[in-house]
Amino acid sequence: MKKPVRQIDDYSEVMRQETPSNNCLRAFIPKPKKISFEIQDHEEKIVLVLRQHPITQIKSVLMILFLFVFLPFLLKVAGLTAVLPDKFRVAGNIFLFFLAIGIAFRSFLMWFFNVYIITDERIIDVDFISMIYKNISTAKIDNIEDITKKSSGIVANLFDYGTILIQTAATKNEFEFDHVPHPAKVVKLLNELVIEEEREKIEGRVN
């Protein structure tokens, strides 16, 4: 007789302390109920969805502020805009506005769609290249051989984010979860999943 599959809270101390979330704009989404992905198996459950910590997007924000706020101000202070006809000044402002909007939109898409997914069966790395192309790499949990956390710098430690390196025996032998929130929690969760996979094999609960 097939033994019942244990739920994530039954064996993961990390997930027992997390409240399920369906907020798709978060960078750390534990136990989502309404989120799915295109290659998800029927009985496969998403345990955690990760994105880069929002603080890592500060460079894009500063670039947008420079184009939309500081650059026009500097040009005005330098007197360069005063010598231009009104039509050229308006056209220049419109150009900078749409350039800033374009950079903001692209930065958001790259942040939103580049995700790392941990399920009860595997890890998935989704690299968003463009609206028509993305690269998806996967590895089974029982193929994980080594997990390393890297967190360096004052900002990374202050905001609790870091990079997780996962060595596997899969086709892609190294996965990098770049600048994700709560890296210590993620490492602990992955270790719990690996231990549970080994326990399933010993107890004969493997499909």
N, C-alpha and C. Protein backbone atom coordinates (compact mmCIF):
# COMPACT_ATOMS: atom_id res chain seq x y z
N MET A 1 0.84 -1.21 0.00
CA MET A 1 0.00 0.00 0.00
C MET A 1 0.88 1.26 0.00
N LYS A 2 0.56 2.20 -0.88
CA LYS A 2 1.35 3.42 -0.98
C LYS A 2 1.16 4.30 0.25
N LYS A 3 2.29 4.73 0.81
CA LYS A 3 2.22 5.58 2.00
C LYS A 3 1.89 7.01 1.59
N PRO A 4 1.12 7.73 2.44
CA PRO A 4 0.71 9.09 2.10
C PRO A 4 1.91 10.03 1.99
N VAL A 5 1.81 10.98 1.07
CA VAL A 5 2.87 11.97 0.90
C VAL A 5 2.77 13.01 2.01
N ARG A 6 3.88 13.29 2.64
CA ARG A 6 3.87 14.28 3.71
C ARG A 6 3.85 15.69 3.13
N GLN A 7 3.17 16.59 3.84
CA GLN A 7 3.11 17.99 3.44
C GLN A 7 4.38 18.70 3.91
N ILE A 8 4.66 19.83 3.27
CA ILE A 8 5.91 20.54 3.54
C ILE A 8 6.05 20.93 5.01
N ASP A 9 4.94 21.32 5.66
CA ASP A 9 5.01 21.72 7.06
C ASP A 9 5.31 20.54 7.99
N ASP A 10 5.12 19.31 7.50
CA ASP A 10 5.38 18.13 8.31
C ASP A 10 6.86 17.92 8.56
N TYR A 11 7.69 18.38 7.61
CA TYR A 11 9.13 18.10 7.75
C TYR A 11 10.03 19.32 7.61
N SER A 12 9.46 20.50 7.31
CA SER A 12 10.28 21.70 7.15
C SER A 12 10.01 22.70 8.26
N GLU A 13 11.01 22.90 9.09
CA GLU A 13 10.90 23.90 10.16
C GLU A 13 10.80 25.30 9.56
N VAL A 14 11.49 25.52 8.45
CA VAL A 14 11.47 26.83 7.80
C VAL A 14 10.06 27.19 7.34
N MET A 15 9.40 26.25 6.66
CA MET A 15 8.08 26.54 6.11
C MET A 15 6.99 26.58 7.17
N ARG A 16 7.19 25.87 8.28
CA ARG A 16 6.20 25.93 9.37
C ARG A 16 6.10 27.35 9.93
N GLN A 17 7.19 28.09 9.83
CA GLN A 17 7.22 29.45 10.38
C GLN A 17 6.78 30.51 9.37
N GLU A 18 6.48 30.08 8.14
CA GLU A 18 6.10 31.02 7.09
C GLU A 18 4.60 30.96 6.81
N THR A 19 4.00 32.12 6.59
CA THR A 19 2.59 32.20 6.22
C THR A 19 2.46 32.14 4.71
N PRO A 20 1.54 31.32 4.18
CA PRO A 20 1.36 31.26 2.72
C PRO A 20 1.08 32.65 2.14
N SER A 21 1.65 32.91 0.97
CA SER A 21 1.48 34.22 0.33
C SER A 21 1.21 34.04 -1.16
N ASN A 22 0.33 34.87 -1.69
CA ASN A 22 0.06 34.91 -3.13
C ASN A 22 0.36 36.28 -3.71
N ASN A 23 1.13 37.07 -2.97
CA ASN A 23 1.52 38.39 -3.45
C ASN A 23 2.63 38.22 -4.49
N CYS A 24 2.27 38.31 -5.76
CA CYS A 24 3.23 38.03 -6.84
C CYS A 24 4.30 39.09 -6.98
N LEU A 25 4.20 40.20 -6.24
CA LEU A 25 5.20 41.26 -6.33
C LEU A 25 6.27 41.15 -5.24
N ARG A 26 6.20 40.11 -4.44
CA ARG A 26 7.22 39.91 -3.41
C ARG A 26 8.44 39.21 -4.00
N ALA A 27 9.56 39.33 -3.32
CA ALA A 27 10.77 38.62 -3.74
C ALA A 27 10.92 37.30 -3.00
N PHE A 28 10.14 37.11 -1.95
CA PHE A 28 10.17 35.88 -1.15
C PHE A 28 8.73 35.45 -0.95
N ILE A 29 8.29 34.43 -1.70
CA ILE A 29 6.88 34.02 -1.68
C ILE A 29 6.78 32.57 -1.21
N PRO A 30 6.50 32.35 0.07
CA PRO A 30 6.42 30.98 0.58
C PRO A 30 5.04 30.35 0.37
N LYS A 31 5.03 29.09 0.07
CA LYS A 31 3.81 28.27 -0.04
C LYS A 31 2.68 28.94 -0.82
N PRO A 32 2.95 29.43 -2.03
CA PRO A 32 1.88 30.08 -2.80
C PRO A 32 0.83 29.08 -3.26
N LYS A 33 -0.44 29.46 -3.19
CA LYS A 33 -1.54 28.58 -3.58
C LYS A 33 -2.05 28.87 -4.98
N LYS A 34 -1.88 30.11 -5.45
CA LYS A 34 -2.46 30.50 -6.72
C LYS A 34 -1.40 30.80 -7.78
N ILE A 35 -0.17 30.38 -7.53
CA ILE A 35 0.91 30.59 -8.48
C ILE A 35 1.30 29.24 -9.08
N SER A 36 1.49 29.20 -10.38
CA SER A 36 1.90 27.97 -11.05
C SER A 36 2.89 28.33 -12.16
N PHE A 37 3.50 27.31 -12.76
CA PHE A 37 4.41 27.55 -13.88
C PHE A 37 4.15 26.50 -14.95
N GLU A 38 4.57 26.78 -16.16
CA GLU A 38 4.13 26.01 -17.32
C GLU A 38 4.60 24.56 -17.34
N ILE A 39 5.72 24.24 -16.71
CA ILE A 39 6.21 22.86 -16.74
C ILE A 39 5.94 22.13 -15.41
N GLN A 40 5.03 22.65 -14.63
CA GLN A 40 4.72 22.05 -13.33
C GLN A 40 3.97 20.74 -13.50
N ASP A 41 4.41 19.70 -12.79
CA ASP A 41 3.72 18.42 -12.83
C ASP A 41 2.42 18.49 -12.03
N HIS A 42 1.54 17.53 -12.28
CA HIS A 42 0.20 17.58 -11.69
C HIS A 42 0.22 17.60 -10.17
N GLU A 43 1.05 16.76 -9.55
CA GLU A 43 1.07 16.66 -8.09
C GLU A 43 2.22 17.45 -7.47
N GLU A 44 2.94 18.17 -8.28
CA GLU A 44 4.09 18.94 -7.78
C GLU A 44 3.61 20.21 -7.09
N LYS A 45 4.12 20.47 -5.91
CA LYS A 45 3.70 21.64 -5.13
C LYS A 45 4.84 22.64 -5.03
N ILE A 46 4.52 23.90 -5.29
CA ILE A 46 5.52 24.96 -5.13
C ILE A 46 5.70 25.27 -3.65
N VAL A 47 6.94 25.23 -3.22
CA VAL A 47 7.26 25.50 -1.82
C VAL A 47 7.67 26.97 -1.63
N LEU A 48 8.47 27.47 -2.58
CA LEU A 48 8.98 28.84 -2.43
C LEU A 48 9.31 29.41 -3.81
N VAL A 49 8.93 30.67 -4.02
CA VAL A 49 9.30 31.41 -5.22
C VAL A 49 10.19 32.57 -4.80
N LEU A 50 11.30 32.73 -5.51
CA LEU A 50 12.28 33.76 -5.16
C LEU A 50 12.58 34.66 -6.35
N ARG A 51 12.83 35.92 -6.03
CA ARG A 51 13.39 36.88 -6.99
C ARG A 51 14.56 37.59 -6.31
N GLN A 52 15.29 38.37 -7.08
CA GLN A 52 16.34 39.17 -6.47
C GLN A 52 15.73 40.17 -5.48
N HIS A 53 16.44 40.42 -4.41
CA HIS A 53 15.96 41.38 -3.40
C HIS A 53 15.72 42.73 -4.06
N PRO A 54 14.62 43.42 -3.74
CA PRO A 54 14.31 44.71 -4.37
C PRO A 54 15.43 45.74 -4.25
N ILE A 55 16.23 45.66 -3.19
CA ILE A 55 17.31 46.65 -3.01
C ILE A 55 18.32 46.57 -4.13
N THR A 56 18.41 45.41 -4.80
CA THR A 56 19.37 45.26 -5.91
C THR A 56 18.94 46.06 -7.14
N GLN A 57 17.71 46.56 -7.15
CA GLN A 57 17.22 47.34 -8.29
C GLN A 57 17.47 48.83 -8.12
N ILE A 58 18.18 49.21 -7.06
CA ILE A 58 18.41 50.63 -6.79
C ILE A 58 19.20 51.29 -7.90
N LYS A 59 20.08 50.52 -8.58
CA LYS A 59 20.87 51.08 -9.68
C LYS A 59 19.96 51.55 -10.82
N SER A 60 18.96 50.74 -11.14
CA SER A 60 18.02 51.12 -12.20
C SER A 60 17.20 52.34 -11.79
N VAL A 61 16.81 52.39 -10.52
CA VAL A 61 16.03 53.53 -10.02
C VAL A 61 16.85 54.82 -10.13
N LEU A 62 18.13 54.74 -9.76
CA LEU A 62 18.99 55.93 -9.83
C LEU A 62 19.19 56.38 -11.28
N MET A 63 19.30 55.41 -12.19
CA MET A 63 19.46 55.76 -13.60
C MET A 63 18.22 56.48 -14.13
N ILE A 64 17.04 56.00 -13.73
CA ILE A 64 15.79 56.63 -14.15
C ILE A 64 15.67 58.04 -13.59
N LEU A 65 16.04 58.21 -12.31
CA LEU A 65 16.00 59.54 -11.70
C LEU A 65 16.96 60.49 -12.39
N PHE A 66 18.13 59.97 -12.77
CA PHE A 66 19.11 60.81 -13.45
C PHE A 66 18.57 61.30 -14.78
N LEU A 67 17.98 60.39 -15.56
CA LEU A 67 17.47 60.75 -16.88
C LEU A 67 16.27 61.68 -16.80
N PHE A 68 15.40 61.44 -15.83
CA PHE A 68 14.12 62.15 -15.79
C PHE A 68 14.16 63.42 -14.93
N VAL A 69 15.07 63.45 -13.95
CA VAL A 69 15.09 64.59 -13.02
C VAL A 69 16.42 65.35 -13.09
N PHE A 70 17.52 64.66 -12.82
CA PHE A 70 18.80 65.36 -12.66
C PHE A 70 19.39 65.86 -13.97
N LEU A 71 19.29 65.07 -15.05
CA LEU A 71 19.85 65.50 -16.31
C LEU A 71 19.19 66.78 -16.84
N PRO A 72 17.84 66.85 -16.87
CA PRO A 72 17.22 68.12 -17.30
C PRO A 72 17.61 69.31 -16.40
N PHE A 73 17.74 69.03 -15.09
CA PHE A 73 18.13 70.10 -14.16
C PHE A 73 19.55 70.58 -14.45
N LEU A 74 20.48 69.65 -14.70
CA LEU A 74 21.86 70.02 -14.99
C LEU A 74 21.98 70.79 -16.30
N LEU A 75 21.21 70.37 -17.30
CA LEU A 75 21.22 71.08 -18.57
C LEU A 75 20.68 72.50 -18.43
N LYS A 76 19.66 72.63 -17.57
CA LYS A 76 19.08 73.96 -17.34
C LYS A 76 20.06 74.86 -16.59
N VAL A 77 20.71 74.30 -15.56
CA VAL A 77 21.69 75.08 -14.80
C VAL A 77 22.86 75.51 -15.68
N ALA A 78 23.27 74.62 -16.59
CA ALA A 78 24.39 74.93 -17.48
C ALA A 78 24.00 75.92 -18.57
N GLY A 79 22.71 76.20 -18.69
CA GLY A 79 22.25 77.15 -19.68
C GLY A 79 22.13 76.59 -21.09
N LEU A 80 22.26 75.27 -21.22
CA LEU A 80 22.21 74.68 -22.55
C LEU A 80 20.80 74.66 -23.13
N THR A 81 19.81 74.53 -22.27
CA THR A 81 18.44 74.48 -22.77
C THR A 81 17.93 75.87 -23.18
N ALA A 82 18.54 76.92 -22.62
CA ALA A 82 18.06 78.28 -22.90
C ALA A 82 18.30 78.68 -24.36
N VAL A 83 19.34 78.11 -24.98
CA VAL A 83 19.68 78.49 -26.35
C VAL A 83 18.90 77.68 -27.38
N LEU A 84 18.17 76.68 -26.90
CA LEU A 84 17.40 75.83 -27.82
C LEU A 84 16.01 76.40 -28.04
N PRO A 85 15.48 76.26 -29.25
CA PRO A 85 14.09 76.65 -29.50
C PRO A 85 13.13 75.84 -28.64
N ASP A 86 11.95 76.39 -28.39
CA ASP A 86 10.97 75.72 -27.54
C ASP A 86 10.63 74.32 -28.04
N LYS A 87 10.52 74.16 -29.36
CA LYS A 87 10.16 72.85 -29.91
C LYS A 87 11.23 71.80 -29.59
N PHE A 88 12.49 72.21 -29.64
CA PHE A 88 13.57 71.27 -29.34
C PHE A 88 13.58 70.91 -27.85
N ARG A 89 13.29 71.90 -27.00
CA ARG A 89 13.24 71.60 -25.56
C ARG A 89 12.11 70.63 -25.24
N VAL A 90 10.95 70.86 -25.84
CA VAL A 90 9.81 69.96 -25.62
C VAL A 90 10.12 68.56 -26.14
N ALA A 91 10.70 68.50 -27.34
CA ALA A 91 11.04 67.20 -27.92
C ALA A 91 12.07 66.47 -27.07
N GLY A 92 13.04 67.23 -26.54
CA GLY A 92 14.06 66.62 -25.68
C GLY A 92 13.47 66.07 -24.40
N ASN A 93 12.55 66.83 -23.79
CA ASN A 93 11.90 66.36 -22.56
C ASN A 93 11.05 65.12 -22.81
N ILE A 94 10.35 65.11 -23.95
CA ILE A 94 9.54 63.93 -24.30
C ILE A 94 10.43 62.72 -24.51
N PHE A 95 11.56 62.93 -25.19
CA PHE A 95 12.50 61.82 -25.43
C PHE A 95 13.02 61.25 -24.11
N LEU A 96 13.44 62.13 -23.19
CA LEU A 96 13.95 61.67 -21.89
C LEU A 96 12.87 60.96 -21.09
N PHE A 97 11.63 61.47 -21.19
CA PHE A 97 10.52 60.84 -20.47
C PHE A 97 10.30 59.41 -20.94
N PHE A 98 10.22 59.22 -22.26
CA PHE A 98 9.96 57.87 -22.78
C PHE A 98 11.17 56.96 -22.60
N LEU A 99 12.37 57.53 -22.62
CA LEU A 99 13.57 56.72 -22.35
C LEU A 99 13.56 56.21 -20.91
N ALA A 100 13.19 57.09 -19.97
CA ALA A 100 13.12 56.68 -18.56
C ALA A 100 12.03 55.64 -18.35
N ILE A 101 10.86 55.84 -18.99
CA ILE A 101 9.77 54.87 -18.88
C ILE A 101 10.20 53.52 -19.46
N GLY A 102 10.89 53.56 -20.59
CA GLY A 102 11.35 52.32 -21.22
C GLY A 102 12.32 51.56 -20.34
N ILE A 103 13.27 52.28 -19.74
CA ILE A 103 14.24 51.62 -18.84
C ILE A 103 13.52 51.06 -17.62
N ALA A 104 12.57 51.81 -17.08
CA ALA A 104 11.82 51.34 -15.91
C ALA A 104 11.04 50.07 -16.24
N PHE A 105 10.38 50.07 -17.39
CA PHE A 105 9.57 48.92 -17.79
C PHE A 105 10.44 47.69 -18.01
N ARG A 106 11.56 47.87 -18.70
CA ARG A 106 12.46 46.74 -18.95
C ARG A 106 13.04 46.21 -17.64
N SER A 107 13.43 47.11 -16.74
CA SER A 107 13.99 46.68 -15.45
C SER A 107 12.97 45.89 -14.64
N PHE A 108 11.71 46.35 -14.67
CA PHE A 108 10.67 45.63 -13.94
C PHE A 108 10.45 44.24 -14.53
N LEU A 109 10.37 44.14 -15.85
CA LEU A 109 10.17 42.84 -16.49
C LEU A 109 11.30 41.88 -16.16
N MET A 110 12.54 42.37 -16.22
CA MET A 110 13.69 41.51 -15.92
C MET A 110 13.64 41.04 -14.48
N TRP A 111 13.25 41.92 -13.56
CA TRP A 111 13.16 41.53 -12.15
C TRP A 111 11.99 40.58 -11.91
N PHE A 112 10.84 40.87 -12.51
CA PHE A 112 9.62 40.12 -12.24
C PHE A 112 9.68 38.70 -12.80
N PHE A 113 10.20 38.55 -14.02
CA PHE A 113 10.15 37.25 -14.69
C PHE A 113 11.40 36.40 -14.49
N ASN A 114 12.48 36.96 -13.97
CA ASN A 114 13.63 36.14 -13.60
C ASN A 114 13.39 35.58 -12.20
N VAL A 115 12.94 34.36 -12.13
CA VAL A 115 12.55 33.78 -10.85
C VAL A 115 13.27 32.46 -10.59
N TYR A 116 13.34 32.14 -9.32
CA TYR A 116 13.85 30.84 -8.86
C TYR A 116 12.72 30.16 -8.11
N ILE A 117 12.42 28.94 -8.50
CA ILE A 117 11.29 28.22 -7.91
C ILE A 117 11.79 26.96 -7.23
N ILE A 118 11.35 26.76 -6.01
CA ILE A 118 11.66 25.53 -5.28
C ILE A 118 10.33 24.80 -5.06
N THR A 119 10.25 23.58 -5.55
CA THR A 119 9.07 22.75 -5.32
C THR A 119 9.45 21.59 -4.41
N ASP A 120 8.48 20.75 -4.11
CA ASP A 120 8.78 19.58 -3.28
C ASP A 120 9.51 18.49 -4.07
N GLU A 121 9.74 18.73 -5.39
CA GLU A 121 10.41 17.74 -6.22
C GLU A 121 11.69 18.24 -6.88
N ARG A 122 11.80 19.55 -7.13
CA ARG A 122 12.95 20.05 -7.88
C ARG A 122 13.16 21.54 -7.68
N ILE A 123 14.25 22.03 -8.24
CA ILE A 123 14.53 23.46 -8.29
C ILE A 123 14.46 23.90 -9.75
N ILE A 124 13.95 25.11 -9.98
CA ILE A 124 13.78 25.64 -11.33
C ILE A 124 14.37 27.04 -11.38
N ASP A 125 15.20 27.28 -12.38
CA ASP A 125 15.80 28.59 -12.61
C ASP A 125 15.25 29.12 -13.93
N VAL A 126 14.46 30.20 -13.86
CA VAL A 126 13.87 30.80 -15.06
C VAL A 126 14.64 32.07 -15.39
N ASP A 127 15.37 32.04 -16.51
CA ASP A 127 16.11 33.21 -16.99
C ASP A 127 15.30 33.89 -18.09
N PHE A 128 14.79 35.06 -17.78
CA PHE A 128 13.98 35.82 -18.74
C PHE A 128 14.91 36.63 -19.63
N ILE A 129 14.90 36.33 -20.93
CA ILE A 129 15.76 37.04 -21.87
C ILE A 129 14.98 38.15 -22.56
N SER A 130 13.78 37.84 -23.03
CA SER A 130 12.92 38.81 -23.69
C SER A 130 11.49 38.30 -23.61
N MET A 131 10.56 39.06 -24.18
CA MET A 131 9.15 38.67 -24.14
C MET A 131 8.90 37.38 -24.93
N ILE A 132 9.79 37.04 -25.85
CA ILE A 132 9.58 35.84 -26.68
C ILE A 132 10.57 34.73 -26.39
N TYR A 133 11.49 34.96 -25.47
CA TYR A 133 12.48 33.92 -25.20
C TYR A 133 12.86 33.91 -23.72
N LYS A 134 12.88 32.71 -23.15
CA LYS A 134 13.37 32.53 -21.79
C LYS A 134 14.01 31.15 -21.68
N ASN A 135 14.94 31.03 -20.78
CA ASN A 135 15.65 29.76 -20.58
C ASN A 135 15.26 29.19 -19.22
N ILE A 136 14.81 27.93 -19.21
CA ILE A 136 14.38 27.28 -17.98
C ILE A 136 15.27 26.08 -17.70
N SER A 137 15.92 26.08 -16.55
CA SER A 137 16.76 24.95 -16.14
C SER A 137 16.16 24.33 -14.88
N THR A 138 16.20 23.00 -14.82
CA THR A 138 15.63 22.30 -13.66
C THR A 138 16.58 21.22 -13.17
N ALA A 139 16.40 20.86 -11.92
CA ALA A 139 17.15 19.73 -11.34
C ALA A 139 16.30 19.12 -10.24
N LYS A 140 16.29 17.82 -10.17
CA LYS A 140 15.55 17.13 -9.11
C LYS A 140 16.23 17.37 -7.76
N ILE A 141 15.43 17.41 -6.73
CA ILE A 141 15.97 17.62 -5.38
C ILE A 141 17.00 16.55 -5.03
N ASP A 142 16.74 15.31 -5.44
CA ASP A 142 17.68 14.24 -5.08
C ASP A 142 18.97 14.28 -5.90
N ASN A 143 19.06 15.23 -6.86
CA ASN A 143 20.31 15.41 -7.60
C ASN A 143 21.21 16.49 -6.98
N ILE A 144 20.69 17.17 -5.95
CA ILE A 144 21.49 18.21 -5.29
C ILE A 144 22.63 17.57 -4.51
N GLU A 145 23.84 18.06 -4.76
CA GLU A 145 25.03 17.49 -4.11
C GLU A 145 25.65 18.43 -3.09
N ASP A 146 25.53 19.74 -3.33
CA ASP A 146 26.15 20.69 -2.41
C ASP A 146 25.44 22.03 -2.49
N ILE A 147 25.30 22.70 -1.36
CA ILE A 147 24.63 24.00 -1.30
C ILE A 147 25.53 24.97 -0.54
N THR A 148 25.82 26.12 -1.16
CA THR A 148 26.70 27.11 -0.55
C THR A 148 26.03 28.47 -0.57
N LYS A 149 26.15 29.20 0.52
CA LYS A 149 25.59 30.55 0.61
C LYS A 149 26.71 31.57 0.59
N LYS A 150 26.56 32.60 -0.26
CA LYS A 150 27.51 33.70 -0.30
C LYS A 150 26.77 35.00 0.00
N SER A 151 27.22 35.71 1.02
CA SER A 151 26.62 36.99 1.37
C SER A 151 27.74 37.91 1.83
N SER A 152 28.06 38.91 1.02
CA SER A 152 29.18 39.78 1.34
C SER A 152 28.78 41.24 1.25
N GLY A 153 29.39 42.04 2.07
CA GLY A 153 29.13 43.47 2.05
C GLY A 153 28.14 43.90 3.11
N ILE A 154 28.23 45.16 3.50
CA ILE A 154 27.37 45.71 4.54
C ILE A 154 25.91 45.72 4.10
N VAL A 155 25.67 46.11 2.84
CA VAL A 155 24.30 46.21 2.34
C VAL A 155 23.63 44.85 2.33
N ALA A 156 24.35 43.82 1.84
CA ALA A 156 23.79 42.47 1.77
C ALA A 156 23.44 41.95 3.16
N ASN A 157 24.31 42.19 4.13
CA ASN A 157 24.03 41.73 5.50
C ASN A 157 22.94 42.56 6.17
N LEU A 158 22.89 43.85 5.85
CA LEU A 158 21.88 44.72 6.45
C LEU A 158 20.48 44.35 5.97
N PHE A 159 20.36 44.06 4.67
CA PHE A 159 19.05 43.75 4.09
C PHE A 159 18.80 42.25 3.96
N ASP A 160 19.72 41.45 4.45
CA ASP A 160 19.57 39.99 4.50
C ASP A 160 19.29 39.39 3.12
N TYR A 161 20.26 39.53 2.23
CA TYR A 161 20.17 38.85 0.94
C TYR A 161 21.54 38.32 0.55
N GLY A 162 21.56 37.36 -0.35
CA GLY A 162 22.82 36.77 -0.77
C GLY A 162 22.61 35.84 -1.95
N THR A 163 23.70 35.25 -2.42
CA THR A 163 23.66 34.33 -3.55
C THR A 163 23.85 32.90 -3.06
N ILE A 164 23.05 32.00 -3.60
CA ILE A 164 23.11 30.59 -3.22
C ILE A 164 23.61 29.78 -4.41
N LEU A 165 24.68 29.04 -4.22
CA LEU A 165 25.25 28.17 -5.25
C LEU A 165 24.84 26.74 -4.97
N ILE A 166 24.24 26.10 -5.96
CA ILE A 166 23.75 24.73 -5.79
C ILE A 166 24.42 23.83 -6.82
N GLN A 167 25.23 22.89 -6.34
CA GLN A 167 25.87 21.91 -7.21
C GLN A 167 24.94 20.70 -7.35
N THR A 168 24.73 20.26 -8.60
CA THR A 168 23.83 19.13 -8.83
C THR A 168 24.46 18.12 -9.77
N ALA A 169 23.82 16.97 -9.85
CA ALA A 169 24.22 15.94 -10.80
C ALA A 169 23.35 15.97 -12.04
N ALA A 170 22.62 17.08 -12.25
CA ALA A 170 21.73 17.21 -13.40
C ALA A 170 22.50 17.71 -14.61
N THR A 171 21.79 17.92 -15.73
CA THR A 171 22.42 18.41 -16.96
C THR A 171 23.12 19.73 -16.72
N LYS A 172 22.42 20.66 -16.06
CA LYS A 172 23.06 21.89 -15.60
C LYS A 172 23.58 21.61 -14.20
N ASN A 173 24.91 21.56 -14.06
CA ASN A 173 25.45 21.09 -12.78
C ASN A 173 25.61 22.17 -11.72
N GLU A 174 25.39 23.44 -12.08
CA GLU A 174 25.45 24.49 -11.07
C GLU A 174 24.32 25.49 -11.27
N PHE A 175 23.59 25.74 -10.21
CA PHE A 175 22.53 26.73 -10.20
C PHE A 175 22.95 27.88 -9.29
N GLU A 176 22.64 29.10 -9.73
CA GLU A 176 22.91 30.28 -8.91
C GLU A 176 21.62 31.03 -8.66
N PHE A 177 21.24 31.13 -7.40
CA PHE A 177 20.11 31.97 -7.01
C PHE A 177 20.72 33.30 -6.57
N ASP A 178 20.72 34.27 -7.47
CA ASP A 178 21.45 35.52 -7.23
C ASP A 178 20.69 36.51 -6.36
N HIS A 179 21.36 36.99 -5.31
CA HIS A 179 20.88 38.11 -4.49
C HIS A 179 19.45 37.89 -3.98
N VAL A 180 19.15 36.69 -3.51
CA VAL A 180 17.79 36.40 -3.03
C VAL A 180 17.66 36.73 -1.54
N PRO A 181 16.44 37.07 -1.09
CA PRO A 181 16.23 37.38 0.33
C PRO A 181 16.40 36.13 1.21
N HIS A 182 16.77 36.35 2.45
CA HIS A 182 16.86 35.33 3.48
C HIS A 182 17.62 34.07 3.00
N PRO A 183 18.87 34.23 2.57
CA PRO A 183 19.61 33.08 2.03
C PRO A 183 19.79 31.94 3.02
N ALA A 184 19.94 32.26 4.31
CA ALA A 184 20.11 31.20 5.31
C ALA A 184 18.87 30.32 5.38
N LYS A 185 17.69 30.95 5.30
CA LYS A 185 16.43 30.19 5.30
C LYS A 185 16.35 29.29 4.07
N VAL A 186 16.75 29.84 2.92
CA VAL A 186 16.67 29.07 1.68
C VAL A 186 17.59 27.85 1.73
N VAL A 187 18.80 28.04 2.22
CA VAL A 187 19.74 26.92 2.34
C VAL A 187 19.18 25.86 3.28
N LYS A 188 18.64 26.28 4.41
CA LYS A 188 18.08 25.33 5.36
C LYS A 188 16.91 24.57 4.74
N LEU A 189 16.05 25.29 4.00
CA LEU A 189 14.91 24.65 3.34
C LEU A 189 15.39 23.61 2.33
N LEU A 190 16.37 23.94 1.52
CA LEU A 190 16.89 22.99 0.54
C LEU A 190 17.45 21.75 1.21
N ASN A 191 18.15 21.94 2.30
CA ASN A 191 18.68 20.79 3.05
C ASN A 191 17.56 19.93 3.61
N GLU A 192 16.49 20.56 4.07
CA GLU A 192 15.34 19.80 4.57
C GLU A 192 14.69 18.99 3.45
N LEU A 193 14.61 19.58 2.26
CA LEU A 193 14.02 18.86 1.12
C LEU A 193 14.89 17.68 0.70
N VAL A 194 16.20 17.86 0.72
CA VAL A 194 17.11 16.77 0.38
C VAL A 194 16.97 15.62 1.38
N ILE A 195 16.91 15.95 2.65
CA ILE A 195 16.75 14.91 3.69
C ILE A 195 15.43 14.18 3.52
N GLU A 196 14.36 14.93 3.18
CA GLU A 196 13.05 14.30 2.99
C GLU A 196 13.07 13.36 1.78
N GLU A 197 13.76 13.74 0.71
CA GLU A 197 13.88 12.86 -0.46
C GLU A 197 14.58 11.55 -0.07
N GLU A 198 15.63 11.66 0.73
CA GLU A 198 16.34 10.46 1.17
C GLU A 198 15.44 9.60 2.06
N ARG A 199 14.64 10.26 2.92
CA ARG A 199 13.73 9.52 3.79
C ARG A 199 12.65 8.81 2.96
N GLU A 200 12.17 9.47 1.91
CA GLU A 200 11.16 8.84 1.04
C GLU A 200 11.70 7.56 0.40
N LYS A 201 12.94 7.59 -0.02
CA LYS A 201 13.54 6.41 -0.64
C LYS A 201 13.65 5.27 0.37
N ILE A 202 14.07 5.60 1.58
CA ILE A 202 14.23 4.57 2.62
C ILE A 202 12.89 3.98 3.01
N GLU A 203 11.86 4.83 3.09
CA GLU A 203 10.53 4.37 3.52
C GLU A 203 9.69 3.86 2.36
N GLY A 204 10.20 3.92 1.14
CA GLY A 204 9.47 3.40 -0.01
C GLY A 204 8.32 4.29 -0.44
N ARG A 205 8.44 5.61 -0.22
CA ARG A 205 7.37 6.53 -0.61
C ARG A 205 7.64 7.19 -1.94
N VAL A 206 8.68 6.75 -2.65
CA VAL A 206 9.02 7.33 -3.96
C VAL A 206 8.11 6.78 -5.01
N ASN A 207 7.57 7.71 -5.89
CA ASN A 207 6.68 7.26 -6.97
C ASN A 207 7.44 6.43 -8.00
